[in-house]
Amino acid sequence: MAAIPTLENRIVNIKQTTADGVVSIQEAELRHIDVHRDENSTPIRIKVVLAKAWGVQLNMPWNISKGKFATEMGGISWESDFDYTTFIPSSWHGTGSWSRSKRSQRTS
């Protein structure tokens, strides 16, 4: 089983674009990542929780045309702004996912 990164190592950048076109970068905790465990680690989706907005979780499917994880919620567009491959163990084969450990099983 792969080691689960600590909280500090799961913080990623998410680009937020409002309906008015205002762009900002938000920090989020990467909670889950699904990829095909093929030679390309083809992405499927991620789940993130925004760091500065209480309880906001985004489920972001892979957008093939953008080459990023992306979603829209309440007129606001969200796009991943990080290299997802840094979270994929190189030894994976087959289909699978990575997620943070349950609170009861964490040491950090």
PDB file of N, CA and C in Angstrom:
ATOM      1  N   MET A   1       0.845  -1.185   0.000  1.00  0.00           N
ATOM      2  CA  MET A   1       0.000   0.000   0.000  1.00  0.00           C
ATOM      3  C   MET A   1       0.885   1.241   0.000  1.00  0.00           C
ATOM      4  N   ALA A   2       0.531   2.212  -0.801  1.00  0.00           N
ATOM      5  CA  ALA A   2       1.315   3.442  -0.919  1.00  0.00           C
ATOM      6  C   ALA A   2       1.151   4.297   0.326  1.00  0.00           C
ATOM      7  N   ALA A   3       2.213   4.984   0.715  1.00  0.00           N
ATOM      8  CA  ALA A   3       2.149   5.901   1.852  1.00  0.00           C
ATOM      9  C   ALA A   3       1.280   7.104   1.501  1.00  0.00           C
ATOM     10  N   ILE A   4       0.452   7.522   2.435  1.00  0.00           N
ATOM     11  CA  ILE A   4      -0.426   8.674   2.234  1.00  0.00           C
ATOM     12  C   ILE A   4       0.358   9.938   2.592  1.00  0.00           C
ATOM     13  N   PRO A   5       0.430  10.907   1.699  1.00  0.00           N
ATOM     14  CA  PRO A   5       1.155  12.143   1.992  1.00  0.00           C
ATOM     15  C   PRO A   5       0.527  12.901   3.167  1.00  0.00           C
ATOM     16  N   THR A   6       1.347  13.636   3.898  1.00  0.00           N
ATOM     17  CA  THR A   6       0.844  14.448   4.999  1.00  0.00           C
ATOM     18  C   THR A   6       0.006  15.602   4.445  1.00  0.00           C
ATOM     19  N   LEU A   7      -0.731  16.251   5.324  1.00  0.00           N
ATOM     20  CA  LEU A   7      -1.600  17.358   4.918  1.00  0.00           C
ATOM     21  C   LEU A   7      -0.824  18.421   4.147  1.00  0.00           C
ATOM     22  N   GLU A   8       0.350  18.778   4.630  1.00  0.00           N
ATOM     23  CA  GLU A   8       1.146  19.814   3.974  1.00  0.00           C
ATOM     24  C   GLU A   8       1.493  19.438   2.536  1.00  0.00           C
ATOM     25  N   ASN A   9       1.639  18.143   2.281  1.00  0.00           N
ATOM     26  CA  ASN A   9       1.994  17.675   0.942  1.00  0.00           C
ATOM     27  C   ASN A   9       0.784  17.438   0.052  1.00  0.00           C
ATOM     28  N   ARG A  10      -0.424  17.637   0.585  1.00  0.00           N
ATOM     29  CA  ARG A  10      -1.643  17.467  -0.208  1.00  0.00           C
ATOM     30  C   ARG A  10      -2.262  18.807  -0.604  1.00  0.00           C
ATOM     31  N   ILE A  11      -1.637  19.921  -0.260  1.00  0.00           N
ATOM     32  CA  ILE A  11      -2.172  21.238  -0.618  1.00  0.00           C
ATOM     33  C   ILE A  11      -1.832  21.509  -2.084  1.00  0.00           C
ATOM     34  N   VAL A  12      -2.869  21.826  -2.865  1.00  0.00           N
ATOM     35  CA  VAL A  12      -2.718  22.089  -4.297  1.00  0.00           C
ATOM     36  C   VAL A  12      -3.377  23.422  -4.635  1.00  0.00           C
ATOM     37  N   ASN A  13      -3.060  23.955  -5.803  1.00  0.00           N
ATOM     38  CA  ASN A  13      -3.662  25.194  -6.278  1.00  0.00           C
ATOM     39  C   ASN A  13      -4.803  24.901  -7.240  1.00  0.00           C
ATOM     40  N   ILE A  14      -5.897  25.619  -7.053  1.00  0.00           N
ATOM     41  CA  ILE A  14      -7.065  25.525  -7.917  1.00  0.00           C
ATOM     42  C   ILE A  14      -7.362  26.927  -8.435  1.00  0.00           C
ATOM     43  N   LYS A  15      -7.496  27.056  -9.764  1.00  0.00           N
ATOM     44  CA  LYS A  15      -7.799  28.358 -10.366  1.00  0.00           C
ATOM     45  C   LYS A  15      -9.307  28.582 -10.368  1.00  0.00           C
ATOM     46  N   GLN A  16      -9.713  29.712  -9.798  1.00  0.00           N
ATOM     47  CA  GLN A  16     -11.123  30.094  -9.719  1.00  0.00           C
ATOM     48  C   GLN A  16     -11.382  31.245 -10.687  1.00  0.00           C
ATOM     49  N   THR A  17     -12.415  31.102 -11.532  1.00  0.00           N
ATOM     50  CA  THR A  17     -12.795  32.169 -12.454  1.00  0.00           C
ATOM     51  C   THR A  17     -14.266  32.478 -12.233  1.00  0.00           C
ATOM     52  N   THR A  18     -14.560  33.718 -11.823  1.00  0.00           N
ATOM     53  CA  THR A  18     -15.941  34.110 -11.574  1.00  0.00           C
ATOM     54  C   THR A  18     -16.655  34.395 -12.896  1.00  0.00           C
ATOM     55  N   ALA A  19     -17.976  34.583 -12.812  1.00  0.00           N
ATOM     56  CA  ALA A  19     -18.770  34.889 -14.003  1.00  0.00           C
ATOM     57  C   ALA A  19     -18.330  36.211 -14.632  1.00  0.00           C
ATOM     58  N   ASP A  20     -17.741  37.115 -13.830  1.00  0.00           N
ATOM     59  CA  ASP A  20     -17.248  38.407 -14.323  1.00  0.00           C
ATOM     60  C   ASP A  20     -15.855  38.305 -14.941  1.00  0.00           C
ATOM     61  N   GLY A  21     -15.270  37.109 -14.911  1.00  0.00           N
ATOM     62  CA  GLY A  21     -13.942  36.924 -15.489  1.00  0.00           C
ATOM     63  C   GLY A  21     -12.792  37.187 -14.542  1.00  0.00           C
ATOM     64  N   VAL A  22     -13.076  37.387 -13.249  1.00  0.00           N
ATOM     65  CA  VAL A  22     -12.022  37.614 -12.267  1.00  0.00           C
ATOM     66  C   VAL A  22     -11.380  36.269 -11.919  1.00  0.00           C
ATOM     67  N   VAL A  23     -10.059  36.205 -12.070  1.00  0.00           N
ATOM     68  CA  VAL A  23      -9.319  34.963 -11.841  1.00  0.00           C
ATOM     69  C   VAL A  23      -8.514  35.076 -10.547  1.00  0.00           C
ATOM     70  N   SER A  24      -8.567  34.033  -9.735  1.00  0.00           N
ATOM     71  CA  SER A  24      -7.743  33.970  -8.531  1.00  0.00           C
ATOM     72  C   SER A  24      -7.327  32.524  -8.298  1.00  0.00           C
ATOM     73  N   ILE A  25      -6.289  32.357  -7.515  1.00  0.00           N
ATOM     74  CA  ILE A  25      -5.790  31.026  -7.173  1.00  0.00           C
ATOM     75  C   ILE A  25      -6.186  30.733  -5.732  1.00  0.00           C
ATOM     76  N   GLN A  26      -6.813  29.571  -5.530  1.00  0.00           N
ATOM     77  CA  GLN A  26      -7.244  29.143  -4.206  1.00  0.00           C
ATOM     78  C   GLN A  26      -6.453  27.899  -3.812  1.00  0.00           C
ATOM     79  N   GLU A  27      -6.127  27.794  -2.522  1.00  0.00           N
ATOM     80  CA  GLU A  27      -5.488  26.585  -2.029  1.00  0.00           C
ATOM     81  C   GLU A  27      -6.563  25.582  -1.646  1.00  0.00           C
ATOM     82  N   ALA A  28      -6.285  24.301  -1.901  1.00  0.00           N
ATOM     83  CA  ALA A  28      -7.228  23.242  -1.566  1.00  0.00           C
ATOM     84  C   ALA A  28      -6.459  22.005  -1.122  1.00  0.00           C
ATOM     85  N   GLU A  29      -7.114  21.198  -0.302  1.00  0.00           N
ATOM     86  CA  GLU A  29      -6.534  19.923   0.109  1.00  0.00           C
ATOM     87  C   GLU A  29      -6.993  18.856  -0.873  1.00  0.00           C
ATOM     88  N   LEU A  30      -6.057  18.169  -1.490  1.00  0.00           N
ATOM     89  CA  LEU A  30      -6.382  17.062  -2.377  1.00  0.00           C
ATOM     90  C   LEU A  30      -6.783  15.875  -1.515  1.00  0.00           C
ATOM     91  N   ARG A  31      -8.049  15.474  -1.613  1.00  0.00           N
ATOM     92  CA  ARG A  31      -8.557  14.384  -0.795  1.00  0.00           C
ATOM     93  C   ARG A  31      -8.565  13.053  -1.523  1.00  0.00           C
ATOM     94  N   HIS A  32      -8.735  13.083  -2.837  1.00  0.00           N
ATOM     95  CA  HIS A  32      -8.894  11.829  -3.579  1.00  0.00           C
ATOM     96  C   HIS A  32      -8.512  12.066  -5.035  1.00  0.00           C
ATOM     97  N   ILE A  33      -7.864  11.087  -5.624  1.00  0.00           N
ATOM     98  CA  ILE A  33      -7.544  11.163  -7.047  1.00  0.00           C
ATOM     99  C   ILE A  33      -7.772   9.785  -7.664  1.00  0.00           C
ATOM    100  N   ASP A  34      -8.517   9.749  -8.756  1.00  0.00           N
ATOM    101  CA  ASP A  34      -8.767   8.518  -9.501  1.00  0.00           C
ATOM    102  C   ASP A  34      -8.040   8.597 -10.837  1.00  0.00           C
ATOM    103  N   VAL A  35      -7.297   7.568 -11.141  1.00  0.00           N
ATOM    104  CA  VAL A  35      -6.613   7.470 -12.440  1.00  0.00           C
ATOM    105  C   VAL A  35      -6.702   6.034 -12.935  1.00  0.00           C
ATOM    106  N   HIS A  36      -6.571   5.879 -14.240  1.00  0.00           N
ATOM    107  CA  HIS A  36      -6.394   4.552 -14.800  1.00  0.00           C
ATOM    108  C   HIS A  36      -4.943   4.187 -14.554  1.00  0.00           C
ATOM    109  N   ARG A  37      -4.701   3.034 -14.041  1.00  0.00           N
ATOM    110  CA  ARG A  37      -3.321   2.615 -13.772  1.00  0.00           C
ATOM    111  C   ARG A  37      -2.701   2.002 -15.025  1.00  0.00           C
ATOM    112  N   ASP A  38      -2.708   2.777 -16.083  1.00  0.00           N
ATOM    113  CA  ASP A  38      -2.073   2.349 -17.322  1.00  0.00           C
ATOM    114  C   ASP A  38      -0.711   3.025 -17.433  1.00  0.00           C
ATOM    115  N   GLU A  39      -0.044   2.837 -18.548  1.00  0.00           N
ATOM    116  CA  GLU A  39       1.294   3.411 -18.700  1.00  0.00           C
ATOM    117  C   GLU A  39       1.287   4.931 -18.685  1.00  0.00           C
ATOM    118  N   ASN A  40       0.132   5.552 -18.944  1.00  0.00           N
ATOM    119  CA  ASN A  40       0.039   7.013 -18.946  1.00  0.00           C
ATOM    120  C   ASN A  40      -0.581   7.582 -17.682  1.00  0.00           C
ATOM    121  N   SER A  41      -1.038   6.723 -16.756  1.00  0.00           N
ATOM    122  CA  SER A  41      -1.778   7.177 -15.570  1.00  0.00           C
ATOM    123  C   SER A  41      -2.872   8.164 -15.979  1.00  0.00           C
ATOM    124  N   THR A  42      -3.698   7.752 -16.935  1.00  0.00           N
ATOM    125  CA  THR A  42      -4.755   8.607 -17.467  1.00  0.00           C
ATOM    126  C   THR A  42      -5.707   9.028 -16.350  1.00  0.00           C
ATOM    127  N   PRO A  43      -5.875  10.329 -16.140  1.00  0.00           N
ATOM    128  CA  PRO A  43      -6.700  10.811 -15.031  1.00  0.00           C
ATOM    129  C   PRO A  43      -8.199  10.607 -15.259  1.00  0.00           C
ATOM    130  N   ILE A  44      -8.933  10.460 -14.167  1.00  0.00           N
ATOM    131  CA  ILE A  44     -10.388  10.330 -14.206  1.00  0.00           C
ATOM    132  C   ILE A  44     -11.038  11.512 -13.489  1.00  0.00           C
ATOM    133  N   ARG A  45     -10.717  11.679 -12.191  1.00  0.00           N
ATOM    134  CA  ARG A  45     -11.313  12.774 -11.409  1.00  0.00           C
ATOM    135  C   ARG A  45     -10.541  12.968 -10.099  1.00  0.00           C
ATOM    136  N   ILE A  46     -10.765  14.137  -9.474  1.00  0.00           N
ATOM    137  CA  ILE A  46     -10.224  14.411  -8.143  1.00  0.00           C
ATOM    138  C   ILE A  46     -11.331  14.966  -7.261  1.00  0.00           C
ATOM    139  N   LYS A  47     -11.093  14.907  -5.958  1.00  0.00           N
ATOM    140  CA  LYS A  47     -11.937  15.579  -4.972  1.00  0.00           C
ATOM    141  C   LYS A  47     -11.012  16.452  -4.145  1.00  0.00           C
ATOM    142  N   VAL A  48     -11.380  17.710  -4.006  1.00  0.00           N
ATOM    143  CA  VAL A  48     -10.605  18.649  -3.200  1.00  0.00           C
ATOM    144  C   VAL A  48     -11.528  19.374  -2.241  1.00  0.00           C
ATOM    145  N   VAL A  49     -10.956  19.869  -1.140  1.00  0.00           N
ATOM    146  CA  VAL A  49     -11.683  20.703  -0.187  1.00  0.00           C
ATOM    147  C   VAL A  49     -10.946  22.032  -0.131  1.00  0.00           C
ATOM    148  N   LEU A  50     -11.668  23.115  -0.378  1.00  0.00           N
ATOM    149  CA  LEU A  50     -11.038  24.435  -0.355  1.00  0.00           C
ATOM    150  C   LEU A  50     -10.523  24.744   1.045  1.00  0.00           C
ATOM    151  N   ALA A  51      -9.315  25.269   1.123  1.00  0.00           N
ATOM    152  CA  ALA A  51      -8.663  25.506   2.411  1.00  0.00           C
ATOM    153  C   ALA A  51      -9.257  26.683   3.177  1.00  0.00           C
ATOM    154  N   LYS A  52      -9.711  27.717   2.480  1.00  0.00           N
ATOM    155  CA  LYS A  52     -10.167  28.928   3.168  1.00  0.00           C
ATOM    156  C   LYS A  52     -11.673  29.114   3.151  1.00  0.00           C
ATOM    157  N   ALA A  53     -12.403  28.158   2.597  1.00  0.00           N
ATOM    158  CA  ALA A  53     -13.874  28.224   2.575  1.00  0.00           C
ATOM    159  C   ALA A  53     -14.398  26.995   3.312  1.00  0.00           C
ATOM    160  N   TRP A  54     -15.068  27.201   4.420  1.00  0.00           N
ATOM    161  CA  TRP A  54     -15.499  26.103   5.275  1.00  0.00           C
ATOM    162  C   TRP A  54     -16.449  25.155   4.548  1.00  0.00           C
ATOM    163  N   GLY A  55     -16.074  23.889   4.473  1.00  0.00           N
ATOM    164  CA  GLY A  55     -16.948  22.845   3.972  1.00  0.00           C
ATOM    165  C   GLY A  55     -17.185  22.796   2.472  1.00  0.00           C
ATOM    166  N   VAL A  56     -16.408  23.514   1.676  1.00  0.00           N
ATOM    167  CA  VAL A  56     -16.613  23.487   0.228  1.00  0.00           C
ATOM    168  C   VAL A  56     -15.760  22.383  -0.374  1.00  0.00           C
ATOM    169  N   GLN A  57     -16.432  21.353  -0.882  1.00  0.00           N
ATOM    170  CA  GLN A  57     -15.756  20.246  -1.552  1.00  0.00           C
ATOM    171  C   GLN A  57     -16.107  20.285  -3.022  1.00  0.00           C
ATOM    172  N   LEU A  58     -15.093  20.114  -3.866  1.00  0.00           N
ATOM    173  CA  LEU A  58     -15.304  20.094  -5.311  1.00  0.00           C
ATOM    174  C   LEU A  58     -14.943  18.719  -5.857  1.00  0.00           C
ATOM    175  N   ASN A  59     -15.834  18.165  -6.650  1.00  0.00           N
ATOM    176  CA  ASN A  59     -15.567  16.951  -7.415  1.00  0.00           C
ATOM    177  C   ASN A  59     -15.248  17.411  -8.829  1.00  0.00           C
ATOM    178  N   MET A  60     -14.044  17.154  -9.276  1.00  0.00           N
ATOM    179  CA  MET A  60     -13.574  17.709 -10.540  1.00  0.00           C
ATOM    180  C   MET A  60     -13.185  16.596 -11.508  1.00  0.00           C
ATOM    181  N   PRO A  61     -14.006  16.336 -12.524  1.00  0.00           N
ATOM    182  CA  PRO A  61     -13.631  15.336 -13.534  1.00  0.00           C
ATOM    183  C   PRO A  61     -12.525  15.872 -14.451  1.00  0.00           C
ATOM    184  N   TRP A  62     -11.814  14.952 -15.088  1.00  0.00           N
ATOM    185  CA  TRP A  62     -10.765  15.330 -16.033  1.00  0.00           C
ATOM    186  C   TRP A  62     -11.407  15.902 -17.284  1.00  0.00           C
ATOM    187  N   ASN A  63     -10.960  17.077 -17.703  1.00  0.00           N
ATOM    188  CA  ASN A  63     -11.445  17.723 -18.916  1.00  0.00           C
ATOM    189  C   ASN A  63     -10.385  17.485 -19.995  1.00  0.00           C
ATOM    190  N   ILE A  64     -10.702  16.615 -20.929  1.00  0.00           N
ATOM    191  CA  ILE A  64      -9.725  16.223 -21.957  1.00  0.00           C
ATOM    192  C   ILE A  64      -9.294  17.422 -22.797  1.00  0.00           C
ATOM    193  N   SER A  65     -10.237  18.291 -23.179  1.00  0.00           N
ATOM    194  CA  SER A  65      -9.889  19.420 -24.055  1.00  0.00           C
ATOM    195  C   SER A  65      -8.986  20.435 -23.355  1.00  0.00           C
ATOM    196  N   LYS A  66      -9.131  20.605 -22.034  1.00  0.00           N
ATOM    197  CA  LYS A  66      -8.292  21.546 -21.290  1.00  0.00           C
ATOM    198  C   LYS A  66      -7.018  20.885 -20.766  1.00  0.00           C
ATOM    199  N   GLY A  67      -7.056  19.557 -20.654  1.00  0.00           N
ATOM    200  CA  GLY A  67      -5.923  18.854 -20.074  1.00  0.00           C
ATOM    201  C   GLY A  67      -5.776  19.131 -18.593  1.00  0.00           C
ATOM    202  N   LYS A  68      -6.912  19.357 -17.916  1.00  0.00           N
ATOM    203  CA  LYS A  68      -6.937  19.672 -16.491  1.00  0.00           C
ATOM    204  C   LYS A  68      -8.202  19.096 -15.876  1.00  0.00           C
ATOM    205  N   PHE A  69      -8.214  19.028 -14.560  1.00  0.00           N
ATOM    206  CA  PHE A  69      -9.453  18.727 -13.860  1.00  0.00           C
ATOM    207  C   PHE A  69     -10.250  20.027 -13.821  1.00  0.00           C
ATOM    208  N   ALA A  70     -11.541  19.968 -14.094  1.00  0.00           N
ATOM    209  CA  ALA A  70     -12.325  21.194 -14.154  1.00  0.00           C
ATOM    210  C   ALA A  70     -13.783  20.919 -13.788  1.00  0.00           C
ATOM    211  N   THR A  71     -14.421  21.942 -13.220  1.00  0.00           N
ATOM    212  CA  THR A  71     -15.849  21.861 -12.897  1.00  0.00           C
ATOM    213  C   THR A  71     -16.401  23.274 -12.796  1.00  0.00           C
ATOM    214  N   GLU A  72     -17.709  23.364 -12.705  1.00  0.00           N
ATOM    215  CA  GLU A  72     -18.372  24.657 -12.519  1.00  0.00           C
ATOM    216  C   GLU A  72     -19.385  24.495 -11.396  1.00  0.00           C
ATOM    217  N   MET A  73     -19.450  25.512 -10.527  1.00  0.00           N
ATOM    218  CA  MET A  73     -20.382  25.476  -9.411  1.00  0.00           C
ATOM    219  C   MET A  73     -20.877  26.891  -9.138  1.00  0.00           C
ATOM    220  N   GLY A  74     -22.180  27.093  -9.232  1.00  0.00           N
ATOM    221  CA  GLY A  74     -22.752  28.399  -8.938  1.00  0.00           C
ATOM    222  C   GLY A  74     -22.220  29.517  -9.814  1.00  0.00           C
ATOM    223  N   GLY A  75     -21.962  29.253 -11.090  1.00  0.00           N
ATOM    224  CA  GLY A  75     -21.460  30.275 -12.004  1.00  0.00           C
ATOM    225  C   GLY A  75     -19.972  30.531 -11.892  1.00  0.00           C
ATOM    226  N   ILE A  76     -19.285  29.774 -11.044  1.00  0.00           N
ATOM    227  CA  ILE A  76     -17.836  29.920 -10.879  1.00  0.00           C
ATOM    228  C   ILE A  76     -17.163  28.693 -11.490  1.00  0.00           C
ATOM    229  N   SER A  77     -16.154  28.940 -12.315  1.00  0.00           N
ATOM    230  CA  SER A  77     -15.394  27.855 -12.931  1.00  0.00           C
ATOM    231  C   SER A  77     -14.163  27.559 -12.089  1.00  0.00           C
ATOM    232  N   TRP A  78     -13.836  26.277 -11.973  1.00  0.00           N
ATOM    233  CA  TRP A  78     -12.677  25.830 -11.209  1.00  0.00           C
ATOM    234  C   TRP A  78     -11.832  24.929 -12.093  1.00  0.00           C
ATOM    235  N   GLU A  79     -10.510  25.139 -12.083  1.00  0.00           N
ATOM    236  CA  GLU A  79      -9.574  24.315 -12.846  1.00  0.00           C
ATOM    237  C   GLU A  79      -8.372  23.984 -11.974  1.00  0.00           C
ATOM    238  N   SER A  80      -7.863  22.771 -12.135  1.00  0.00           N
ATOM    239  CA  SER A  80      -6.652  22.401 -11.402  1.00  0.00           C
ATOM    240  C   SER A  80      -5.470  23.215 -11.925  1.00  0.00           C
ATOM    241  N   ASP A  81      -4.571  23.559 -11.015  1.00  0.00           N
ATOM    242  CA  ASP A  81      -3.381  24.328 -11.366  1.00  0.00           C
ATOM    243  C   ASP A  81      -2.167  23.674 -10.694  1.00  0.00           C
ATOM    244  N   PHE A  82      -2.040  22.359 -10.904  1.00  0.00           N
ATOM    245  CA  PHE A  82      -0.936  21.599 -10.336  1.00  0.00           C
ATOM    246  C   PHE A  82      -0.688  20.366 -11.197  1.00  0.00           C
ATOM    247  N   ASP A  83       0.455  19.755 -10.997  1.00  0.00           N
ATOM    248  CA  ASP A  83       0.823  18.553 -11.744  1.00  0.00           C
ATOM    249  C   ASP A  83       0.327  17.329 -10.979  1.00  0.00           C
ATOM    250  N   TYR A  84      -0.761  16.741 -11.451  1.00  0.00           N
ATOM    251  CA  TYR A  84      -1.363  15.607 -10.750  1.00  0.00           C
ATOM    252  C   TYR A  84      -0.444  14.390 -10.708  1.00  0.00           C
ATOM    253  N   THR A  85       0.504  14.288 -11.636  1.00  0.00           N
ATOM    254  CA  THR A  85       1.356  13.097 -11.697  1.00  0.00           C
ATOM    255  C   THR A  85       2.276  12.977 -10.481  1.00  0.00           C
ATOM    256  N   THR A  86       2.497  14.071  -9.755  1.00  0.00           N
ATOM    257  CA  THR A  86       3.324  13.991  -8.550  1.00  0.00           C
ATOM    258  C   THR A  86       2.625  13.208  -7.443  1.00  0.00           C
ATOM    259  N   PHE A  87       1.321  12.955  -7.587  1.00  0.00           N
ATOM    260  CA  PHE A  87       0.552  12.212  -6.587  1.00  0.00           C
ATOM    261  C   PHE A  87       0.293  10.761  -6.999  1.00  0.00           C
ATOM    262  N   ILE A  88       0.848  10.324  -8.130  1.00  0.00           N
ATOM    263  CA  ILE A  88       0.597   8.987  -8.656  1.00  0.00           C
ATOM    264  C   ILE A  88       1.838   8.117  -8.462  1.00  0.00           C
ATOM    265  N   PRO A  89       1.731   7.033  -7.699  1.00  0.00           N
ATOM    266  CA  PRO A  89       2.879   6.120  -7.572  1.00  0.00           C
ATOM    267  C   PRO A  89       3.237   5.524  -8.937  1.00  0.00           C
ATOM    268  N   SER A  90       4.500   5.464  -9.259  1.00  0.00           N
ATOM    269  CA  SER A  90       4.935   4.994 -10.575  1.00  0.00           C
ATOM    270  C   SER A  90       4.721   3.493 -10.768  1.00  0.00           C
ATOM    271  N   SER A  91       4.490   2.749  -9.705  1.00  0.00           N
ATOM    272  CA  SER A  91       4.358   1.293  -9.822  1.00  0.00           C
ATOM    273  C   SER A  91       2.922   0.813 -10.040  1.00  0.00           C
ATOM    274  N   TRP A  92       1.956   1.726 -10.193  1.00  0.00           N
ATOM    275  CA  TRP A  92       0.554   1.319 -10.346  1.00  0.00           C
ATOM    276  C   TRP A  92       0.306   0.627 -11.672  1.00  0.00           C
ATOM    277  N   HIS A  93      -0.567  -0.372 -11.650  1.00  0.00           N
ATOM    278  CA  HIS A  93      -1.035  -1.062 -12.856  1.00  0.00           C
ATOM    279  C   HIS A  93      -2.495  -1.400 -12.636  1.00  0.00           C
ATOM    280  N   GLY A  94      -3.347  -1.265 -13.655  1.00  0.00           N
ATOM    281  CA  GLY A  94      -4.788  -1.491 -13.517  1.00  0.00           C
ATOM    282  C   GLY A  94      -5.488  -0.208 -13.117  1.00  0.00           C
ATOM    283  N   THR A  95      -6.768  -0.249 -12.787  1.00  0.00           N
ATOM    284  CA  THR A  95      -7.517   0.954 -12.420  1.00  0.00           C
ATOM    285  C   THR A  95      -7.564   1.100 -10.915  1.00  0.00           C
ATOM    286  N   GLY A  96      -7.404   2.307 -10.411  1.00  0.00           N
ATOM    287  CA  GLY A  96      -7.454   2.507  -8.970  1.00  0.00           C
ATOM    288  C   GLY A  96      -7.485   3.951  -8.579  1.00  0.00           C
ATOM    289  N   SER A  97      -7.318   4.189  -7.285  1.00  0.00           N
ATOM    290  CA  SER A  97      -7.385   5.546  -6.769  1.00  0.00           C
ATOM    291  C   SER A  97      -6.511   5.692  -5.537  1.00  0.00           C
ATOM    292  N   TRP A  98      -6.286   6.919  -5.160  1.00  0.00           N
ATOM    293  CA  TRP A  98      -5.559   7.279  -3.951  1.00  0.00           C
ATOM    294  C   TRP A  98      -6.462   8.190  -3.169  1.00  0.00           C
ATOM    295  N   SER A  99      -6.508   8.050  -1.863  1.00  0.00           N
ATOM    296  CA  SER A  99      -7.246   8.992  -1.026  1.00  0.00           C
ATOM    297  C   SER A  99      -6.538   9.112   0.303  1.00  0.00           C
ATOM    298  N   ARG A 100      -6.826  10.176   1.011  1.00  0.00           N
ATOM    299  CA  ARG A 100      -6.205  10.364   2.317  1.00  0.00           C
ATOM    300  C   ARG A 100      -6.722   9.281   3.251  1.00  0.00           C
ATOM    301  N   SER A 101      -5.984   9.006   4.299  1.00  0.00           N
ATOM    302  CA  SER A 101      -6.407   7.985   5.247  1.00  0.00           C
ATOM    303  C   SER A 101      -7.525   8.523   6.138  1.00  0.00           C
ATOM    304  N   LYS A 102      -8.297   7.614   6.734  1.00  0.00           N
ATOM    305  CA  LYS A 102      -9.350   8.010   7.655  1.00  0.00           C
ATOM    306  C   LYS A 102      -8.707   8.674   8.857  1.00  0.00           C
ATOM    307  N   ARG A 103      -9.432   9.596   9.499  1.00  0.00           N
ATOM    308  CA  ARG A 103      -8.893  10.314  10.651  1.00  0.00           C
ATOM    309  C   ARG A 103      -8.415   9.354  11.740  1.00  0.00           C
ATOM    310  N   SER A 104      -9.135   8.279  11.958  1.00  0.00           N
ATOM    311  CA  SER A 104      -8.769   7.346  13.027  1.00  0.00           C
ATOM    312  C   SER A 104      -7.486   6.594  12.730  1.00  0.00           C
ATOM    313  N   GLN A 105      -7.054   6.593  11.466  1.00  0.00           N
ATOM    314  CA  GLN A 105      -5.848   5.880  11.087  1.00  0.00           C
ATOM    315  C   GLN A 105      -4.651   6.787  10.837  1.00  0.00           C
ATOM    316  N   ARG A 106      -4.833   8.103  10.961  1.00  0.00           N
ATOM    317  CA  ARG A 106      -3.764   9.044  10.662  1.00  0.00           C
ATOM    318  C   ARG A 106      -2.851   9.251  11.855  1.00  0.00           C
ATOM    319  N   THR A 107      -1.593   9.496  11.553  1.00  0.00           N
ATOM    320  CA  THR A 107      -0.634   9.848  12.606  1.00  0.00           C
ATOM    321  C   THR A 107      -0.228  11.308  12.513  1.00  0.00           C
ATOM    322  N   SER A 108      -0.614  11.985  11.390  1.00  0.00           N
ATOM    323  CA  SER A 108      -0.274  13.420  11.243  1.00  0.00           C
ATOM    324  C   SER A 108      -1.417  14.169  10.655  1.00  0.00           C
TER     325      SER A 108
END
